[in-house]
Amino acid sequence: MGERTANVQAADLAQTLEQLQTVIEGRWSADPESSYTARLLNGPVDYMIKKLAEEAVELGLAIKDDDHDHIRYEAADLIYHLLVALQKSQVSLPELAGELKARMK
């Protein structure tokens, strides 16, 4: 587990996800030596999948421990890695939103 984030303030989720997706998209051309996101985007898909699975497990363990701040921290890690995976797979946020909306019956 990484260092927990201090002084977290509530924010608009849709706006934050869009901003983060823009940053992730811009990392395609970044130096993988200095950008973790560039390493994920340009590296082997197995490495990205491993990180995504690792973050999902860490979130599950935080939920099991019923630790609010740890849950928030690990959920953010999982969402970040999910957005990187979606970017690498060329699935846009509007496309994902459409999939989720179509399931709300």
C-alpha atoms as a PDB file:
ATOM      1  CA  MET A   1       0.000   0.000   0.000  1.00  0.00           C
ATOM      2  CA  GLY A   2       1.205   3.478  -0.827  1.00  0.00           C
ATOM      3  CA  GLU A   3       1.156   6.497   1.411  1.00  0.00           C
ATOM      4  CA  ARG A   4      -2.375   7.646   2.098  1.00  0.00           C
ATOM      5  CA  THR A   5      -3.483  10.942   0.624  1.00  0.00           C
ATOM      6  CA  ALA A   6      -3.890  13.774   3.123  1.00  0.00           C
ATOM      7  CA  ASN A   7      -6.578  16.465   3.102  1.00  0.00           C
ATOM      8  CA  VAL A   8      -8.827  14.863   0.485  1.00  0.00           C
ATOM      9  CA  GLN A   9     -11.682  17.145  -0.576  1.00  0.00           C
ATOM     10  CA  ALA A  10     -14.852  16.055  -2.378  1.00  0.00           C
ATOM     11  CA  ALA A  11     -14.843  16.705  -6.131  1.00  0.00           C
ATOM     12  CA  ASP A  12     -17.001  16.123  -9.206  1.00  0.00           C
ATOM     13  CA  LEU A  13     -16.335  12.531 -10.307  1.00  0.00           C
ATOM     14  CA  ALA A  14     -17.237  12.927 -13.990  1.00  0.00           C
ATOM     15  CA  GLN A  15     -15.041  16.001 -14.368  1.00  0.00           C
ATOM     16  CA  THR A  16     -12.167  14.353 -12.511  1.00  0.00           C
ATOM     17  CA  LEU A  17     -12.369  11.198 -14.634  1.00  0.00           C
ATOM     18  CA  GLU A  18     -12.383  13.257 -17.836  1.00  0.00           C
ATOM     19  CA  GLN A  19      -9.362  15.269 -16.673  1.00  0.00           C
ATOM     20  CA  LEU A  20      -7.497  12.123 -15.635  1.00  0.00           C
ATOM     21  CA  GLN A  21      -8.300  10.428 -18.948  1.00  0.00           C
ATOM     22  CA  THR A  22      -6.870  13.438 -20.790  1.00  0.00           C
ATOM     23  CA  VAL A  23      -3.669  13.218 -18.745  1.00  0.00           C
ATOM     24  CA  ILE A  24      -3.424   9.459 -19.376  1.00  0.00           C
ATOM     25  CA  GLU A  25      -3.953   9.952 -23.125  1.00  0.00           C
ATOM     26  CA  GLY A  26      -1.127  12.466 -23.153  1.00  0.00           C
ATOM     27  CA  ARG A  27       1.256   9.960 -21.580  1.00  0.00           C
ATOM     28  CA  TRP A  28       1.442   7.792 -24.732  1.00  0.00           C
ATOM     29  CA  SER A  29       4.386   9.876 -25.935  1.00  0.00           C
ATOM     30  CA  ALA A  30       6.025  10.365 -22.534  1.00  0.00           C
ATOM     31  CA  ASP A  31       9.320   8.738 -21.620  1.00  0.00           C
ATOM     32  CA  PRO A  32       8.579   5.351 -19.988  1.00  0.00           C
ATOM     33  CA  GLU A  33      11.695   5.851 -17.846  1.00  0.00           C
ATOM     34  CA  SER A  34      10.122   8.874 -16.153  1.00  0.00           C
ATOM     35  CA  SER A  35       6.380   8.133 -16.484  1.00  0.00           C
ATOM     36  CA  TYR A  36       4.704   5.177 -14.806  1.00  0.00           C
ATOM     37  CA  THR A  37       1.645   5.727 -17.004  1.00  0.00           C
ATOM     38  CA  ALA A  38       3.789   5.609 -20.154  1.00  0.00           C
ATOM     39  CA  ARG A  39       5.307   2.322 -18.932  1.00  0.00           C
ATOM     40  CA  LEU A  40       1.811   0.881 -18.506  1.00  0.00           C
ATOM     41  CA  LEU A  41       0.578   2.147 -21.875  1.00  0.00           C
ATOM     42  CA  ASN A  42       3.626   1.138 -23.886  1.00  0.00           C
ATOM     43  CA  GLY A  43       4.682  -1.938 -21.969  1.00  0.00           C
ATOM     44  CA  PRO A  44       3.502  -5.525 -22.181  1.00  0.00           C
ATOM     45  CA  VAL A  45      -0.241  -5.946 -21.696  1.00  0.00           C
ATOM     46  CA  ASP A  46       0.453  -8.646 -19.090  1.00  0.00           C
ATOM     47  CA  TYR A  47       2.136  -6.073 -16.818  1.00  0.00           C
ATOM     48  CA  MET A  48      -0.880  -3.756 -17.038  1.00  0.00           C
ATOM     49  CA  ILE A  49      -3.258  -6.661 -16.338  1.00  0.00           C
ATOM     50  CA  LYS A  50      -1.168  -7.696 -13.322  1.00  0.00           C
ATOM     51  CA  LYS A  51      -1.354  -4.168 -11.881  1.00  0.00           C
ATOM     52  CA  LEU A  52      -5.106  -3.949 -12.501  1.00  0.00           C
ATOM     53  CA  ALA A  53      -5.699  -7.282 -10.741  1.00  0.00           C
ATOM     54  CA  GLU A  54      -3.381  -6.309  -7.879  1.00  0.00           C
ATOM     55  CA  GLU A  55      -5.310  -3.094  -7.258  1.00  0.00           C
ATOM     56  CA  ALA A  56      -8.648  -4.949  -7.307  1.00  0.00           C
ATOM     57  CA  VAL A  57      -7.372  -7.367  -4.651  1.00  0.00           C
ATOM     58  CA  GLU A  58      -6.017  -4.508  -2.523  1.00  0.00           C
ATOM     59  CA  LEU A  59      -9.410  -2.785  -2.689  1.00  0.00           C
ATOM     60  CA  GLY A  60     -11.127  -6.007  -1.650  1.00  0.00           C
ATOM     61  CA  LEU A  61      -8.807  -6.344   1.343  1.00  0.00           C
ATOM     62  CA  ALA A  62      -9.422  -2.730   2.358  1.00  0.00           C
ATOM     63  CA  ILE A  63     -13.175  -3.356   2.187  1.00  0.00           C
ATOM     64  CA  LYS A  64     -12.735  -6.468   4.318  1.00  0.00           C
ATOM     65  CA  ASP A  65     -10.834  -4.374   6.887  1.00  0.00           C
ATOM     66  CA  ASP A  66     -13.661  -1.773   6.804  1.00  0.00           C
ATOM     67  CA  ASP A  67     -11.076   1.034   6.654  1.00  0.00           C
ATOM     68  CA  HIS A  68     -12.760   4.039   5.018  1.00  0.00           C
ATOM     69  CA  ASP A  69      -9.617   5.965   4.049  1.00  0.00           C
ATOM     70  CA  HIS A  70      -7.868   2.828   2.800  1.00  0.00           C
ATOM     71  CA  ILE A  71     -10.936   1.896   0.714  1.00  0.00           C
ATOM     72  CA  ARG A  72     -10.943   5.366  -0.875  1.00  0.00           C
ATOM     73  CA  TYR A  73      -7.194   5.151  -1.575  1.00  0.00           C
ATOM     74  CA  GLU A  74      -7.342   1.686  -3.145  1.00  0.00           C
ATOM     75  CA  ALA A  75     -10.500   2.532  -5.131  1.00  0.00           C
ATOM     76  CA  ALA A  76      -8.627   5.485  -6.638  1.00  0.00           C
ATOM     77  CA  ASP A  77      -5.710   3.180  -7.542  1.00  0.00           C
ATOM     78  CA  LEU A  78      -8.097   0.725  -9.181  1.00  0.00           C
ATOM     79  CA  ILE A  79      -9.900   3.425 -11.148  1.00  0.00           C
ATOM     80  CA  TYR A  80      -6.590   4.889 -12.335  1.00  0.00           C
ATOM     81  CA  HIS A  81      -5.392   1.482 -13.562  1.00  0.00           C
ATOM     82  CA  LEU A  82      -8.797   0.834 -15.142  1.00  0.00           C
ATOM     83  CA  LEU A  83      -8.597   4.129 -17.044  1.00  0.00           C
ATOM     84  CA  VAL A  84      -5.116   3.225 -18.277  1.00  0.00           C
ATOM     85  CA  ALA A  85      -6.402  -0.182 -19.425  1.00  0.00           C
ATOM     86  CA  LEU A  86      -9.351   1.454 -21.198  1.00  0.00           C
ATOM     87  CA  GLN A  87      -7.005   3.925 -22.898  1.00  0.00           C
ATOM     88  CA  LYS A  88      -4.699   1.125 -24.037  1.00  0.00           C
ATOM     89  CA  SER A  89      -7.747  -0.783 -25.339  1.00  0.00           C
ATOM     90  CA  GLN A  90      -9.180   2.335 -27.022  1.00  0.00           C
ATOM     91  CA  VAL A  91     -12.404   2.336 -25.004  1.00  0.00           C
ATOM     92  CA  SER A  92     -13.516   5.914 -24.325  1.00  0.00           C
ATOM     93  CA  LEU A  93     -15.284   7.183 -21.217  1.00  0.00           C
ATOM     94  CA  PRO A  94     -18.429   8.080 -23.231  1.00  0.00           C
ATOM     95  CA  GLU A  95     -18.427   4.551 -24.637  1.00  0.00           C
ATOM     96  CA  LEU A  96     -18.102   3.111 -21.112  1.00  0.00           C
ATOM     97  CA  ALA A  97     -20.883   5.417 -19.884  1.00  0.00           C
ATOM     98  CA  GLY A  98     -23.101   4.188 -22.726  1.00  0.00           C
ATOM     99  CA  GLU A  99     -22.467   0.589 -21.727  1.00  0.00           C
ATOM    100  CA  LEU A 100     -23.358   1.318 -18.101  1.00  0.00           C
ATOM    101  CA  LYS A 101     -26.442   3.336 -19.058  1.00  0.00           C
ATOM    102  CA  ALA A 102     -27.683   0.551 -21.343  1.00  0.00           C
ATOM    103  CA  ARG A 103     -27.589  -1.810 -18.358  1.00  0.00           C
ATOM    104  CA  MET A 104     -29.789   0.410 -16.158  1.00  0.00           C
ATOM    105  CA  LYS A 105     -33.189  -1.070 -16.824  1.00  0.00           C
END
